[in-house]
Amino acid sequence: MTPFKEIIRLPEFERDMKRLLKRFRSLEDDLDNFINTELGLFHKLRIDNKGVVQMAELGIQGPKVYKGRKFACRALKGKGAHSGIRVVYAYFEEMDRVELIEIYYKGDKENEDRERILSRYR
């Protein structure tokens, strides 16, 4: 049971997810756990355990965009919450909606796709 009214996966996120699932089989369950724990703690209980950070200097008026850094991936044994998987999402507080924008593995790329974010919310 998700703590949010609505969770949307953008088509680009779905493509990222499909590609990563080939290597990290537990990713679907891990994403559910991440949403229910890290995002629930941060947005619902207002507990900041440094697992989620708001992205600064995007220059957009729209929703606040965040990056989840504490993502426990069971397929990456021994890494715990420091697996290197990152999730970028927008949170619409008034609608209680999360839009999943991007998921990536830091071993593949260093940073999020800021152009993807800007093209969606500018």
N, C-alpha and C. Protein backbone atom coordinates (compact mmCIF):
# COMPACT_ATOMS: atom_id res chain seq x y z
N MET A 1 0.84 -1.18 0.00
CA MET A 1 0.00 0.00 0.00
C MET A 1 0.89 1.25 0.00
N THR A 2 0.75 2.03 -1.02
CA THR A 2 1.57 3.24 -1.15
C THR A 2 1.05 4.37 -0.27
N PRO A 3 1.94 5.17 0.26
CA PRO A 3 1.51 6.30 1.09
C PRO A 3 1.00 7.50 0.27
N PHE A 4 1.04 7.41 -1.06
CA PHE A 4 0.66 8.52 -1.91
C PHE A 4 -0.63 8.22 -2.66
N LYS A 5 -1.35 9.29 -2.99
CA LYS A 5 -2.61 9.14 -3.71
C LYS A 5 -2.37 8.60 -5.12
N GLU A 6 -1.30 9.07 -5.76
CA GLU A 6 -1.05 8.66 -7.14
C GLU A 6 0.46 8.60 -7.41
N ILE A 7 0.86 7.55 -8.11
CA ILE A 7 2.26 7.42 -8.54
C ILE A 7 2.24 7.17 -10.04
N ILE A 8 2.91 8.05 -10.78
CA ILE A 8 2.95 7.99 -12.24
C ILE A 8 4.37 7.64 -12.67
N ARG A 9 4.48 6.71 -13.59
CA ARG A 9 5.78 6.40 -14.19
C ARG A 9 5.79 7.00 -15.60
N LEU A 10 6.67 7.96 -15.81
CA LEU A 10 6.77 8.55 -17.15
C LEU A 10 7.34 7.52 -18.12
N PRO A 11 7.02 7.65 -19.42
CA PRO A 11 7.51 6.66 -20.40
C PRO A 11 9.04 6.52 -20.38
N GLU A 12 9.75 7.62 -20.18
CA GLU A 12 11.21 7.55 -20.14
C GLU A 12 11.68 6.75 -18.93
N PHE A 13 10.97 6.89 -17.82
CA PHE A 13 11.28 6.11 -16.62
C PHE A 13 11.08 4.63 -16.91
N GLU A 14 9.98 4.30 -17.56
CA GLU A 14 9.70 2.89 -17.90
C GLU A 14 10.82 2.30 -18.76
N ARG A 15 11.34 3.07 -19.70
CA ARG A 15 12.46 2.59 -20.53
C ARG A 15 13.70 2.35 -19.68
N ASP A 16 14.00 3.29 -18.80
CA ASP A 16 15.15 3.12 -17.90
C ASP A 16 14.98 1.85 -17.07
N MET A 17 13.79 1.68 -16.53
CA MET A 17 13.50 0.55 -15.64
C MET A 17 13.66 -0.78 -16.39
N LYS A 18 13.13 -0.83 -17.58
CA LYS A 18 13.20 -2.06 -18.37
C LYS A 18 14.66 -2.44 -18.64
N ARG A 19 15.47 -1.45 -18.95
CA ARG A 19 16.89 -1.70 -19.23
C ARG A 19 17.62 -2.19 -17.98
N LEU A 20 17.34 -1.56 -16.84
CA LEU A 20 18.03 -1.94 -15.60
C LEU A 20 17.55 -3.28 -15.04
N LEU A 21 16.29 -3.63 -15.30
CA LEU A 21 15.75 -4.89 -14.80
C LEU A 21 16.49 -6.10 -15.35
N LYS A 22 17.10 -5.96 -16.52
CA LYS A 22 17.87 -7.06 -17.10
C LYS A 22 19.06 -7.42 -16.23
N ARG A 23 19.62 -6.43 -15.54
CA ARG A 23 20.78 -6.66 -14.67
C ARG A 23 20.41 -6.80 -13.21
N PHE A 24 19.38 -6.08 -12.79
CA PHE A 24 19.00 -6.04 -11.37
C PHE A 24 17.58 -6.56 -11.23
N ARG A 25 17.44 -7.85 -11.09
CA ARG A 25 16.13 -8.52 -11.11
C ARG A 25 15.19 -8.10 -9.98
N SER A 26 15.74 -7.65 -8.89
CA SER A 26 14.91 -7.29 -7.74
C SER A 26 14.40 -5.85 -7.81
N LEU A 27 14.67 -5.16 -8.89
CA LEU A 27 14.42 -3.71 -8.97
C LEU A 27 12.96 -3.30 -8.75
N GLU A 28 12.00 -4.06 -9.27
CA GLU A 28 10.58 -3.71 -9.08
C GLU A 28 10.23 -3.68 -7.60
N ASP A 29 10.59 -4.75 -6.88
CA ASP A 29 10.30 -4.81 -5.45
C ASP A 29 11.08 -3.74 -4.69
N ASP A 30 12.33 -3.53 -5.10
CA ASP A 30 13.17 -2.53 -4.45
C ASP A 30 12.57 -1.13 -4.61
N LEU A 31 12.01 -0.85 -5.79
CA LEU A 31 11.38 0.45 -6.04
C LEU A 31 10.16 0.63 -5.14
N ASP A 32 9.34 -0.40 -5.02
CA ASP A 32 8.18 -0.33 -4.12
C ASP A 32 8.62 -0.04 -2.69
N ASN A 33 9.66 -0.73 -2.23
CA ASN A 33 10.18 -0.51 -0.88
C ASN A 33 10.68 0.92 -0.71
N PHE A 34 11.37 1.41 -1.73
CA PHE A 34 11.91 2.77 -1.70
C PHE A 34 10.78 3.79 -1.57
N ILE A 35 9.74 3.63 -2.36
CA ILE A 35 8.60 4.56 -2.32
C ILE A 35 7.92 4.51 -0.96
N ASN A 36 7.70 3.31 -0.46
CA ASN A 36 6.99 3.16 0.81
C ASN A 36 7.81 3.60 2.02
N THR A 37 9.13 3.46 1.96
CA THR A 37 9.95 3.82 3.12
C THR A 37 10.56 5.21 2.96
N GLU A 38 11.51 5.35 2.06
CA GLU A 38 12.23 6.63 1.93
C GLU A 38 11.30 7.80 1.60
N LEU A 39 10.47 7.64 0.58
CA LEU A 39 9.59 8.75 0.20
C LEU A 39 8.51 8.98 1.24
N GLY A 40 8.02 7.90 1.83
CA GLY A 40 7.03 8.03 2.90
C GLY A 40 7.61 8.77 4.11
N LEU A 41 8.83 8.40 4.50
CA LEU A 41 9.48 9.08 5.62
C LEU A 41 9.65 10.57 5.33
N PHE A 42 10.16 10.87 4.14
CA PHE A 42 10.50 12.24 3.79
C PHE A 42 9.27 13.13 3.62
N HIS A 43 8.30 12.68 2.81
CA HIS A 43 7.17 13.54 2.47
C HIS A 43 5.99 13.44 3.44
N LYS A 44 5.77 12.29 4.03
CA LYS A 44 4.61 12.11 4.90
C LYS A 44 4.94 12.34 6.37
N LEU A 45 6.04 11.76 6.82
CA LEU A 45 6.40 11.88 8.23
C LEU A 45 7.37 13.02 8.49
N ARG A 46 7.85 13.65 7.40
CA ARG A 46 8.79 14.78 7.51
C ARG A 46 10.08 14.41 8.25
N ILE A 47 10.53 13.19 8.01
CA ILE A 47 11.79 12.72 8.60
C ILE A 47 12.85 12.74 7.51
N ASP A 48 13.89 13.53 7.71
CA ASP A 48 14.96 13.65 6.73
C ASP A 48 16.16 12.82 7.19
N ASN A 49 16.32 11.66 6.58
CA ASN A 49 17.46 10.81 6.92
C ASN A 49 18.54 10.89 5.82
N LYS A 50 18.51 11.98 5.07
CA LYS A 50 19.48 12.26 4.00
C LYS A 50 19.38 11.28 2.83
N GLY A 51 18.26 10.58 2.73
CA GLY A 51 18.06 9.65 1.63
C GLY A 51 17.46 10.30 0.40
N VAL A 52 16.84 11.47 0.60
CA VAL A 52 16.19 12.21 -0.49
C VAL A 52 16.65 13.66 -0.40
N VAL A 53 17.02 14.22 -1.56
CA VAL A 53 17.42 15.63 -1.59
C VAL A 53 16.66 16.35 -2.71
N GLN A 54 16.29 17.59 -2.42
CA GLN A 54 15.64 18.39 -3.46
C GLN A 54 16.72 18.88 -4.41
N MET A 55 16.44 18.80 -5.70
CA MET A 55 17.40 19.26 -6.71
C MET A 55 17.30 20.77 -6.84
N ALA A 56 18.43 21.42 -6.74
CA ALA A 56 18.48 22.88 -6.79
C ALA A 56 18.85 23.37 -8.18
N GLU A 57 18.59 24.64 -8.40
CA GLU A 57 19.02 25.35 -9.60
C GLU A 57 18.50 24.75 -10.90
N LEU A 58 17.27 24.27 -10.88
CA LEU A 58 16.67 23.80 -12.11
C LEU A 58 15.98 24.94 -12.86
N GLY A 59 15.60 25.98 -12.14
CA GLY A 59 14.96 27.13 -12.77
C GLY A 59 13.57 26.85 -13.28
N ILE A 60 12.84 25.97 -12.61
CA ILE A 60 11.47 25.67 -13.04
C ILE A 60 10.49 26.18 -11.99
N GLN A 61 9.30 26.54 -12.44
CA GLN A 61 8.26 27.03 -11.55
C GLN A 61 7.40 25.90 -11.01
N GLY A 62 7.37 24.81 -11.73
CA GLY A 62 6.47 23.70 -11.44
C GLY A 62 6.77 22.95 -10.16
N PRO A 63 6.62 21.65 -10.19
CA PRO A 63 6.76 20.86 -8.96
C PRO A 63 8.20 20.85 -8.47
N LYS A 64 8.35 20.49 -7.20
CA LYS A 64 9.70 20.29 -6.67
C LYS A 64 10.20 18.94 -7.17
N VAL A 65 11.45 18.94 -7.60
CA VAL A 65 12.06 17.72 -8.13
C VAL A 65 13.10 17.23 -7.13
N TYR A 66 13.09 15.94 -6.88
CA TYR A 66 13.96 15.35 -5.88
C TYR A 66 14.76 14.21 -6.48
N LYS A 67 15.87 13.90 -5.79
CA LYS A 67 16.67 12.73 -6.15
C LYS A 67 16.76 11.84 -4.93
N GLY A 68 16.38 10.58 -5.11
CA GLY A 68 16.51 9.60 -4.04
C GLY A 68 17.87 8.94 -4.13
N ARG A 69 18.63 9.00 -3.03
CA ARG A 69 19.97 8.44 -3.03
C ARG A 69 20.11 7.17 -2.21
N LYS A 70 19.26 7.01 -1.22
CA LYS A 70 19.33 5.78 -0.41
C LYS A 70 18.35 4.77 -0.97
N PHE A 71 18.81 4.02 -1.95
CA PHE A 71 17.98 3.05 -2.65
C PHE A 71 18.60 1.67 -2.43
N ALA A 72 18.00 0.88 -1.58
CA ALA A 72 18.53 -0.47 -1.31
C ALA A 72 18.11 -1.40 -2.44
N CYS A 73 19.10 -1.97 -3.12
CA CYS A 73 18.83 -2.91 -4.21
C CYS A 73 19.37 -4.28 -3.80
N ARG A 74 18.46 -5.24 -3.63
CA ARG A 74 18.86 -6.57 -3.18
C ARG A 74 19.76 -7.29 -4.19
N ALA A 75 19.65 -6.92 -5.46
CA ALA A 75 20.48 -7.56 -6.49
C ALA A 75 21.94 -7.13 -6.37
N LEU A 76 22.19 -6.04 -5.68
CA LEU A 76 23.56 -5.56 -5.44
C LEU A 76 23.93 -5.93 -4.01
N LYS A 77 24.25 -7.16 -3.81
CA LYS A 77 24.51 -7.69 -2.47
C LYS A 77 25.64 -6.94 -1.77
N GLY A 78 25.44 -6.70 -0.49
CA GLY A 78 26.47 -6.08 0.33
C GLY A 78 26.53 -4.56 0.26
N LYS A 79 25.73 -3.96 -0.59
CA LYS A 79 25.76 -2.50 -0.74
C LYS A 79 24.75 -1.80 0.16
N GLY A 80 23.70 -2.49 0.53
CA GLY A 80 22.65 -1.87 1.36
C GLY A 80 22.00 -0.70 0.65
N ALA A 81 21.77 0.37 1.38
CA ALA A 81 21.10 1.55 0.82
C ALA A 81 22.04 2.37 -0.05
N HIS A 82 23.31 2.02 -0.07
CA HIS A 82 24.29 2.75 -0.90
C HIS A 82 24.61 1.95 -2.16
N SER A 83 23.55 1.54 -2.87
CA SER A 83 23.69 0.67 -4.03
C SER A 83 24.18 1.40 -5.27
N GLY A 84 24.02 2.72 -5.31
CA GLY A 84 24.38 3.47 -6.51
C GLY A 84 23.21 3.67 -7.45
N ILE A 85 22.04 3.14 -7.09
CA ILE A 85 20.83 3.38 -7.88
C ILE A 85 20.25 4.72 -7.43
N ARG A 86 19.89 5.55 -8.41
CA ARG A 86 19.30 6.85 -8.12
C ARG A 86 17.92 6.94 -8.77
N VAL A 87 17.00 7.58 -8.09
CA VAL A 87 15.65 7.79 -8.61
C VAL A 87 15.36 9.29 -8.58
N VAL A 88 14.99 9.83 -9.73
CA VAL A 88 14.63 11.24 -9.84
C VAL A 88 13.12 11.31 -10.03
N TYR A 89 12.48 12.16 -9.22
CA TYR A 89 11.02 12.25 -9.29
C TYR A 89 10.55 13.66 -8.94
N ALA A 90 9.33 13.95 -9.36
CA ALA A 90 8.69 15.21 -9.01
C ALA A 90 7.57 14.89 -8.03
N TYR A 91 7.41 15.76 -7.03
CA TYR A 91 6.34 15.58 -6.05
C TYR A 91 5.40 16.78 -6.10
N PHE A 92 4.14 16.50 -6.39
CA PHE A 92 3.09 17.51 -6.41
C PHE A 92 2.35 17.41 -5.09
N GLU A 93 2.76 18.22 -4.13
CA GLU A 93 2.24 18.09 -2.76
C GLU A 93 0.73 18.29 -2.69
N GLU A 94 0.21 19.29 -3.39
CA GLU A 94 -1.22 19.59 -3.31
C GLU A 94 -2.09 18.45 -3.85
N MET A 95 -1.56 17.68 -4.80
CA MET A 95 -2.30 16.54 -5.36
C MET A 95 -1.86 15.21 -4.76
N ASP A 96 -0.81 15.25 -3.93
CA ASP A 96 -0.24 14.04 -3.33
C ASP A 96 0.15 13.04 -4.42
N ARG A 97 0.83 13.59 -5.46
CA ARG A 97 1.21 12.76 -6.61
C ARG A 97 2.72 12.77 -6.80
N VAL A 98 3.25 11.59 -7.09
CA VAL A 98 4.66 11.41 -7.40
C VAL A 98 4.77 11.04 -8.87
N GLU A 99 5.64 11.75 -9.60
CA GLU A 99 5.93 11.38 -10.99
C GLU A 99 7.37 10.91 -11.04
N LEU A 100 7.56 9.64 -11.36
CA LEU A 100 8.89 9.06 -11.48
C LEU A 100 9.46 9.45 -12.84
N ILE A 101 10.58 10.16 -12.83
CA ILE A 101 11.15 10.74 -14.04
C ILE A 101 12.28 9.88 -14.59
N GLU A 102 13.19 9.46 -13.71
CA GLU A 102 14.38 8.75 -14.17
C GLU A 102 14.89 7.83 -13.08
N ILE A 103 15.41 6.67 -13.50
CA ILE A 103 16.13 5.77 -12.61
C ILE A 103 17.41 5.37 -13.33
N TYR A 104 18.53 5.44 -12.61
CA TYR A 104 19.80 5.08 -13.24
C TYR A 104 20.76 4.51 -12.21
N TYR A 105 21.76 3.84 -12.73
CA TYR A 105 22.81 3.24 -11.91
C TYR A 105 24.07 4.08 -12.09
N LYS A 106 24.65 4.51 -10.98
CA LYS A 106 25.81 5.41 -11.05
C LYS A 106 27.01 4.76 -11.73
N GLY A 107 27.03 3.45 -11.81
CA GLY A 107 28.11 2.78 -12.54
C GLY A 107 28.00 2.99 -14.05
N ASP A 108 26.80 3.37 -14.51
CA ASP A 108 26.57 3.61 -15.94
C ASP A 108 26.69 5.08 -16.30
N LYS A 109 26.21 5.94 -15.44
CA LYS A 109 26.28 7.38 -15.70
C LYS A 109 26.37 8.12 -14.38
N GLU A 110 27.06 9.22 -14.38
CA GLU A 110 27.37 9.94 -13.14
C GLU A 110 26.19 10.74 -12.59
N ASN A 111 25.44 11.40 -13.48
CA ASN A 111 24.39 12.31 -13.02
C ASN A 111 23.08 12.10 -13.78
N GLU A 112 22.03 12.72 -13.23
CA GLU A 112 20.71 12.66 -13.83
C GLU A 112 20.69 13.41 -15.16
N ASP A 113 19.65 13.15 -15.94
CA ASP A 113 19.45 13.82 -17.23
C ASP A 113 18.64 15.10 -16.98
N ARG A 114 19.35 16.20 -16.76
CA ARG A 114 18.66 17.46 -16.45
C ARG A 114 17.81 17.94 -17.62
N GLU A 115 18.22 17.65 -18.82
CA GLU A 115 17.41 18.05 -19.99
C GLU A 115 16.05 17.38 -19.97
N ARG A 116 16.01 16.13 -19.55
CA ARG A 116 14.74 15.41 -19.45
C ARG A 116 13.82 16.13 -18.46
N ILE A 117 14.36 16.53 -17.33
CA ILE A 117 13.59 17.22 -16.31
C ILE A 117 13.09 18.56 -16.84
N LEU A 118 14.00 19.34 -17.42
CA LEU A 118 13.64 20.67 -17.91
C LEU A 118 12.63 20.62 -19.04
N SER A 119 12.76 19.65 -19.95
CA SER A 119 11.83 19.57 -21.06
C SER A 119 10.43 19.22 -20.58
N ARG A 120 10.33 18.54 -19.46
CA ARG A 120 9.02 18.14 -18.92
C ARG A 120 8.35 19.24 -18.10
N TYR A 121 9.12 19.98 -17.33
CA TYR A 121 8.53 20.89 -16.35
C TYR A 121 8.81 22.37 -16.57
N ARG A 122 9.48 22.71 -17.65
CA ARG A 122 9.82 24.12 -17.90
C ARG A 122 8.61 24.91 -18.31
